[in-house]
Amino acid sequence: MLVLAVFIALSFALYVFYKVKYVRSKRPAEKEWISAKSRMALGAFIFFFGINQLFLYSGTITYVISAIFIIIGGQYLGWYESL
């Protein structure tokens, strides 16, 4: 569980880092590259947050919301292209 908390904090920090870097960038191609990195960091944050909720709480509502978070995070990471 501590590992998931570290992954959540790290992915959120990377998301903020890349968003700041995106705003400061001037070149269009570099902005697209940095934007893709920030979307992946956001996807990792949502994905790990959903997994973490499975360990913290038990209940039908928690499982449904965690599944939604995991699917949305996976889509941001590019794992579920067909959904």
C-alpha atoms as a PDB file:
ATOM      1  CA  MET A   1       0.000   0.000   0.000  1.00  0.00           C
ATOM      2  CA  LEU A   2       2.891   2.348   0.668  1.00  0.00           C
ATOM      3  CA  VAL A   3       4.200   1.569  -2.804  1.00  0.00           C
ATOM      4  CA  LEU A   4       0.898   2.653  -4.337  1.00  0.00           C
ATOM      5  CA  ALA A   5       0.983   5.881  -2.348  1.00  0.00           C
ATOM      6  CA  VAL A   6       4.476   6.585  -3.681  1.00  0.00           C
ATOM      7  CA  PHE A   7       3.334   5.857  -7.253  1.00  0.00           C
ATOM      8  CA  ILE A   8       0.320   8.135  -6.810  1.00  0.00           C
ATOM      9  CA  ALA A   9       2.436  10.989  -5.457  1.00  0.00           C
ATOM     10  CA  LEU A  10       5.129  10.510  -8.105  1.00  0.00           C
ATOM     11  CA  SER A  11       2.678  10.423 -11.000  1.00  0.00           C
ATOM     12  CA  PHE A  12       0.885  13.541  -9.718  1.00  0.00           C
ATOM     13  CA  ALA A  13       4.224  15.336  -9.325  1.00  0.00           C
ATOM     14  CA  LEU A  14       5.189  14.364 -12.879  1.00  0.00           C
ATOM     15  CA  TYR A  15       1.831  15.603 -14.144  1.00  0.00           C
ATOM     16  CA  VAL A  16       2.333  19.006 -12.532  1.00  0.00           C
ATOM     17  CA  PHE A  17       5.950  19.126 -13.742  1.00  0.00           C
ATOM     18  CA  TYR A  18       4.976  18.435 -17.356  1.00  0.00           C
ATOM     19  CA  LYS A  19       2.073  20.887 -17.284  1.00  0.00           C
ATOM     20  CA  VAL A  20       4.382  23.662 -16.104  1.00  0.00           C
ATOM     21  CA  LYS A  21       6.917  22.658 -18.743  1.00  0.00           C
ATOM     22  CA  TYR A  22       4.136  22.686 -21.369  1.00  0.00           C
ATOM     23  CA  VAL A  23       3.158  26.255 -20.515  1.00  0.00           C
ATOM     24  CA  ARG A  24       6.754  27.443 -20.655  1.00  0.00           C
ATOM     25  CA  SER A  25       7.525  25.768 -23.995  1.00  0.00           C
ATOM     26  CA  LYS A  26       7.400  27.841 -27.187  1.00  0.00           C
ATOM     27  CA  ARG A  27       7.843  25.236 -29.939  1.00  0.00           C
ATOM     28  CA  PRO A  28       4.663  23.485 -31.180  1.00  0.00           C
ATOM     29  CA  ALA A  29       6.225  20.029 -31.642  1.00  0.00           C
ATOM     30  CA  GLU A  30       7.773  20.147 -28.197  1.00  0.00           C
ATOM     31  CA  LYS A  31       4.435  21.229 -26.712  1.00  0.00           C
ATOM     32  CA  GLU A  32       2.723  18.176 -28.236  1.00  0.00           C
ATOM     33  CA  TRP A  33       5.440  15.864 -26.903  1.00  0.00           C
ATOM     34  CA  ILE A  34       5.208  17.328 -23.408  1.00  0.00           C
ATOM     35  CA  SER A  35       1.410  17.246 -23.537  1.00  0.00           C
ATOM     36  CA  ALA A  36       1.524  13.512 -24.301  1.00  0.00           C
ATOM     37  CA  LYS A  37       3.829  12.956 -21.341  1.00  0.00           C
ATOM     38  CA  SER A  38       1.515  14.892 -19.046  1.00  0.00           C
ATOM     39  CA  ARG A  39      -1.506  12.870 -20.229  1.00  0.00           C
ATOM     40  CA  MET A  40       0.385   9.659 -19.467  1.00  0.00           C
ATOM     41  CA  ALA A  41       1.279  10.920 -15.993  1.00  0.00           C
ATOM     42  CA  LEU A  42      -2.366  11.853 -15.392  1.00  0.00           C
ATOM     43  CA  GLY A  43      -3.443   8.405 -16.573  1.00  0.00           C
ATOM     44  CA  ALA A  44      -0.974   6.760 -14.213  1.00  0.00           C
ATOM     45  CA  PHE A  45      -2.294   8.899 -11.357  1.00  0.00           C
ATOM     46  CA  ILE A  46      -5.911   7.910 -12.022  1.00  0.00           C
ATOM     47  CA  PHE A  47      -4.964   4.244 -12.572  1.00  0.00           C
ATOM     48  CA  PHE A  48      -2.973   3.923  -9.344  1.00  0.00           C
ATOM     49  CA  PHE A  49      -5.631   5.838  -7.418  1.00  0.00           C
ATOM     50  CA  GLY A  50      -8.257   3.338  -8.579  1.00  0.00           C
ATOM     51  CA  ILE A  51      -6.088   0.390  -7.544  1.00  0.00           C
ATOM     52  CA  ASN A  52      -5.389   2.008  -4.185  1.00  0.00           C
ATOM     53  CA  GLN A  53      -9.100   2.382  -3.485  1.00  0.00           C
ATOM     54  CA  LEU A  54      -9.556  -1.365  -3.949  1.00  0.00           C
ATOM     55  CA  PHE A  55      -7.186  -1.986  -1.059  1.00  0.00           C
ATOM     56  CA  LEU A  56      -8.533   0.714   1.248  1.00  0.00           C
ATOM     57  CA  TYR A  57     -12.276   0.107   1.099  1.00  0.00           C
ATOM     58  CA  SER A  58     -14.541  -2.834   0.338  1.00  0.00           C
ATOM     59  CA  GLY A  59     -17.991  -2.538  -1.103  1.00  0.00           C
ATOM     60  CA  THR A  60     -19.871  -2.677  -4.353  1.00  0.00           C
ATOM     61  CA  ILE A  61     -19.752   1.080  -4.929  1.00  0.00           C
ATOM     62  CA  THR A  62     -16.000   1.116  -4.342  1.00  0.00           C
ATOM     63  CA  TYR A  63     -15.457  -1.698  -6.845  1.00  0.00           C
ATOM     64  CA  VAL A  64     -17.517   0.050  -9.508  1.00  0.00           C
ATOM     65  CA  ILE A  65     -15.818   3.423  -9.046  1.00  0.00           C
ATOM     66  CA  SER A  66     -12.375   1.812  -8.888  1.00  0.00           C
ATOM     67  CA  ALA A  67     -13.084  -0.069 -12.113  1.00  0.00           C
ATOM     68  CA  ILE A  68     -14.093   3.199 -13.778  1.00  0.00           C
ATOM     69  CA  PHE A  69     -10.891   4.883 -12.565  1.00  0.00           C
ATOM     70  CA  ILE A  70      -8.747   1.975 -13.756  1.00  0.00           C
ATOM     71  CA  ILE A  71     -10.385   1.988 -17.191  1.00  0.00           C
ATOM     72  CA  ILE A  72     -10.098   5.776 -17.583  1.00  0.00           C
ATOM     73  CA  GLY A  73      -6.474   5.702 -16.388  1.00  0.00           C
ATOM     74  CA  GLY A  74      -5.724   2.888 -18.811  1.00  0.00           C
ATOM     75  CA  GLN A  75      -7.227   4.887 -21.648  1.00  0.00           C
ATOM     76  CA  TYR A  76      -4.973   7.850 -20.832  1.00  0.00           C
ATOM     77  CA  LEU A  77      -2.025   5.485 -20.763  1.00  0.00           C
ATOM     78  CA  GLY A  78      -3.058   4.073 -24.147  1.00  0.00           C
ATOM     79  CA  TRP A  79      -3.751   0.540 -22.922  1.00  0.00           C
ATOM     80  CA  TYR A  80      -7.414   0.417 -23.922  1.00  0.00           C
ATOM     81  CA  GLU A  81      -7.488   1.895 -27.395  1.00  0.00           C
ATOM     82  CA  SER A  82     -10.661   0.078 -28.425  1.00  0.00           C
ATOM     83  CA  LEU A  83     -12.896   1.309 -25.567  1.00  0.00           C
END
